[in-house]
Protein backbone atom coordinates (compact mmCIF):
# COMPACT_ATOMS: atom_id res chain seq x y z
CA MET A 1 0.00 0.00 0.00
CA PHE A 2 1.32 3.47 -0.85
CA SER A 3 0.22 7.03 -1.45
CA ASN A 4 1.27 8.77 -4.63
CA THR A 5 0.16 10.91 -7.55
CA ILE A 6 0.72 9.69 -11.11
CA ILE A 7 0.02 11.75 -14.21
CA GLY A 8 -0.20 10.03 -17.58
CA ARG A 9 -1.98 9.88 -20.92
CA VAL A 10 -4.49 7.23 -21.99
CA VAL A 11 -2.97 4.96 -24.64
CA TYR A 12 -5.51 2.14 -24.52
CA MET A 13 -8.97 1.53 -23.09
CA GLU A 14 -11.75 -0.97 -23.65
CA PRO A 15 -14.96 -1.97 -21.91
CA ALA A 16 -14.75 -5.38 -20.24
CA VAL A 17 -16.94 -7.72 -18.18
CA HIS A 18 -15.75 -9.94 -15.33
CA GLU A 19 -18.07 -12.00 -13.14
CA GLY A 20 -21.06 -10.03 -14.40
CA ARG A 21 -19.52 -6.63 -13.60
CA GLU A 22 -18.91 -4.21 -16.45
CA PHE A 23 -15.89 -1.88 -16.22
CA LEU A 24 -13.38 0.07 -18.31
CA ALA A 25 -9.85 -1.35 -18.60
CA ILE A 26 -7.42 1.56 -18.99
CA LYS A 27 -3.72 1.74 -19.80
CA LEU A 28 -1.74 4.98 -19.25
CA ALA A 29 1.66 6.01 -20.62
CA VAL A 30 3.78 7.57 -17.89
CA SER A 31 7.30 9.02 -18.25
CA ASP A 32 9.82 9.76 -15.54
CA ILE A 33 12.15 12.78 -15.50
CA SER A 34 14.77 10.78 -17.44
CA GLY A 35 12.35 10.02 -20.28
CA ASN A 36 11.86 6.35 -19.41
CA GLU A 37 8.32 5.16 -20.11
CA ILE A 38 6.13 2.65 -18.34
CA ARG A 39 2.47 1.68 -18.62
CA ILE A 40 0.03 1.85 -15.70
CA LYS A 41 -2.99 -0.46 -15.91
CA PHE A 42 -6.15 -0.12 -13.83
CA ASN A 43 -9.92 -0.59 -14.07
CA ASN A 44 -12.74 1.86 -13.44
CA SER A 45 -16.47 1.20 -13.25
CA ASN A 46 -17.94 4.61 -12.49
CA GLY A 47 -16.84 8.13 -13.54
CA LEU A 48 -14.28 7.28 -16.23
CA PHE A 49 -16.48 4.51 -17.62
CA THR A 50 -19.35 7.01 -17.96
CA ALA A 51 -17.00 9.52 -19.63
CA TYR A 52 -15.89 6.79 -22.06
CA LYS A 53 -19.49 5.89 -22.92
CA ASN A 54 -20.48 9.50 -23.68
CA GLY A 55 -17.29 10.19 -25.68
CA THR A 56 -15.66 12.60 -23.22
CA LEU A 57 -12.72 10.31 -22.39
CA VAL A 58 -10.59 9.68 -25.48
CA ILE A 59 -7.17 8.27 -26.32
CA GLY A 60 -4.53 10.84 -25.40
CA HIS A 61 -6.56 12.29 -22.53
CA GLN A 62 -4.51 13.13 -19.44
CA LEU A 63 -5.47 11.36 -16.21
CA ILE A 64 -4.29 12.05 -12.69
CA LEU A 65 -4.20 8.98 -10.45
CA THR A 66 -4.17 9.42 -6.70
CA GLN A 67 -5.32 7.69 -3.54
CA PHE A 68 -4.05 7.11 -0.03
CA ASP A 69 -4.21 3.33 -0.17
CA VAL A 70 -3.26 2.45 -3.76
CA ARG A 71 -2.38 -1.23 -4.06
CA LEU A 72 0.30 -2.51 -6.38
CA ASN A 73 -1.29 -5.57 -7.97
CA SER A 74 1.52 -6.67 -10.33
CA ILE A 75 4.62 -5.63 -12.24
CA ARG A 76 5.24 -7.16 -15.64
CA THR A 77 8.40 -6.77 -17.75
CA HIS A 78 8.31 -9.93 -19.94
CA TYR A 79 5.79 -12.20 -21.63
CA LEU A 80 5.79 -15.73 -23.06
CA LYS A 81 5.15 -16.32 -26.76
CA ASP A 82 5.63 -19.70 -28.45
CA GLY A 83 7.55 -20.93 -25.40
CA LEU A 84 10.05 -18.04 -25.56
CA LEU A 85 10.41 -15.20 -23.08
CA HIS A 86 10.16 -11.74 -24.69
CA GLN A 87 10.77 -8.35 -23.09
CA LEU A 88 7.91 -5.84 -23.11
CA ARG A 89 8.64 -2.58 -24.87
CA TYR A 90 7.27 -0.72 -21.82
CA PRO A 91 7.12 -2.36 -18.37
CA GLU A 92 3.58 -2.54 -16.94
CA ILE A 93 2.37 -1.86 -13.42
CA ALA A 94 -1.18 -2.91 -12.48
CA LEU A 95 -2.82 -0.93 -9.66
CA THR A 96 -6.01 -1.36 -7.65
CA LYS A 97 -7.95 1.08 -5.44
CA VAL A 98 -7.00 3.99 -7.68
CA ARG A 99 -8.87 7.29 -7.74
CA ALA A 100 -8.60 8.90 -11.18
CA PHE A 101 -9.30 12.49 -12.18
CA MET A 102 -9.57 13.73 -15.74
CA GLY A 103 -6.91 16.23 -16.74
CA SER A 104 -6.45 18.01 -20.05
CA ALA A 105 -7.89 16.64 -23.27
CA PRO A 106 -5.58 15.92 -26.21
CA ARG A 107 -4.93 18.77 -28.63
CA GLN A 108 -7.19 18.93 -31.62
CA LYS A 109 -5.49 18.85 -34.99
CA ALA A 110 -5.40 22.34 -36.45
CA GLU A 111 -7.42 22.74 -39.61
CA VAL A 112 -5.57 24.11 -42.61
CA PRO A 113 -7.35 27.38 -43.49
CA HIS A 114 -6.60 27.19 -47.22
CA ALA A 115 -6.14 23.67 -48.48
CA TYR A 116 -5.72 23.92 -52.23
CA THR A 117 -4.14 22.19 -55.18
CA ASP A 118 -1.61 23.54 -57.67
CA ASN A 119 -4.17 24.04 -60.46
CA GLN A 120 -6.48 26.41 -58.55
CA GLN A 121 -6.65 30.02 -59.65
CA VAL A 122 -5.44 32.97 -57.57
CA GLU A 123 -9.03 34.29 -57.33
CA GLU A 124 -10.01 31.24 -55.28
CA LEU A 125 -7.27 31.99 -52.76
CA THR A 126 -8.28 35.58 -52.05
CA PRO A 127 -11.28 35.44 -49.68
CA TYR A 128 -12.28 39.09 -50.27
CA GLY A 129 -12.53 38.54 -54.03
CA GLY A 130 -10.18 41.38 -55.03
CA GLU A 131 -6.74 41.43 -56.57
CA PRO A 132 -3.68 41.51 -54.32
CA THR A 133 -2.11 45.00 -54.11
CA LEU A 134 0.91 46.60 -52.54
CA GLU A 135 -1.02 49.56 -51.05
CA THR A 136 -0.05 50.75 -47.60
CA VAL A 137 -2.61 49.86 -44.99
CA PRO A 138 -2.93 52.38 -42.10
CA PHE A 139 -2.92 50.95 -38.57
């Protein structure tokens, strides 16, 4: 049991059912000050699950995990495939009894104001409909 605050971004989430209970399985990407990355896994069946259902919680969303009695469920660094042991790209830590708060949403991609092709005419690119001039504009 420990008390800590972890800030990360959602990299994976999916609804799941276990023993008749529906919940949201979430995986966060977390970096330390040296740039090393790990994944934090936890489940949520109330606030974040509701936010997922109504489209508010999306991939890339920042989450803040905190609680006074967080329990470390498991640490995973390798997995078995075809009888061989392989190293995970990012070590995983599974937590229970986590309280999660939604932080900032991911940035929206900026729309290009004038997307055009090479064969369009100059008139299409001038929104005011006039010809470009070199007149001085007073401020």
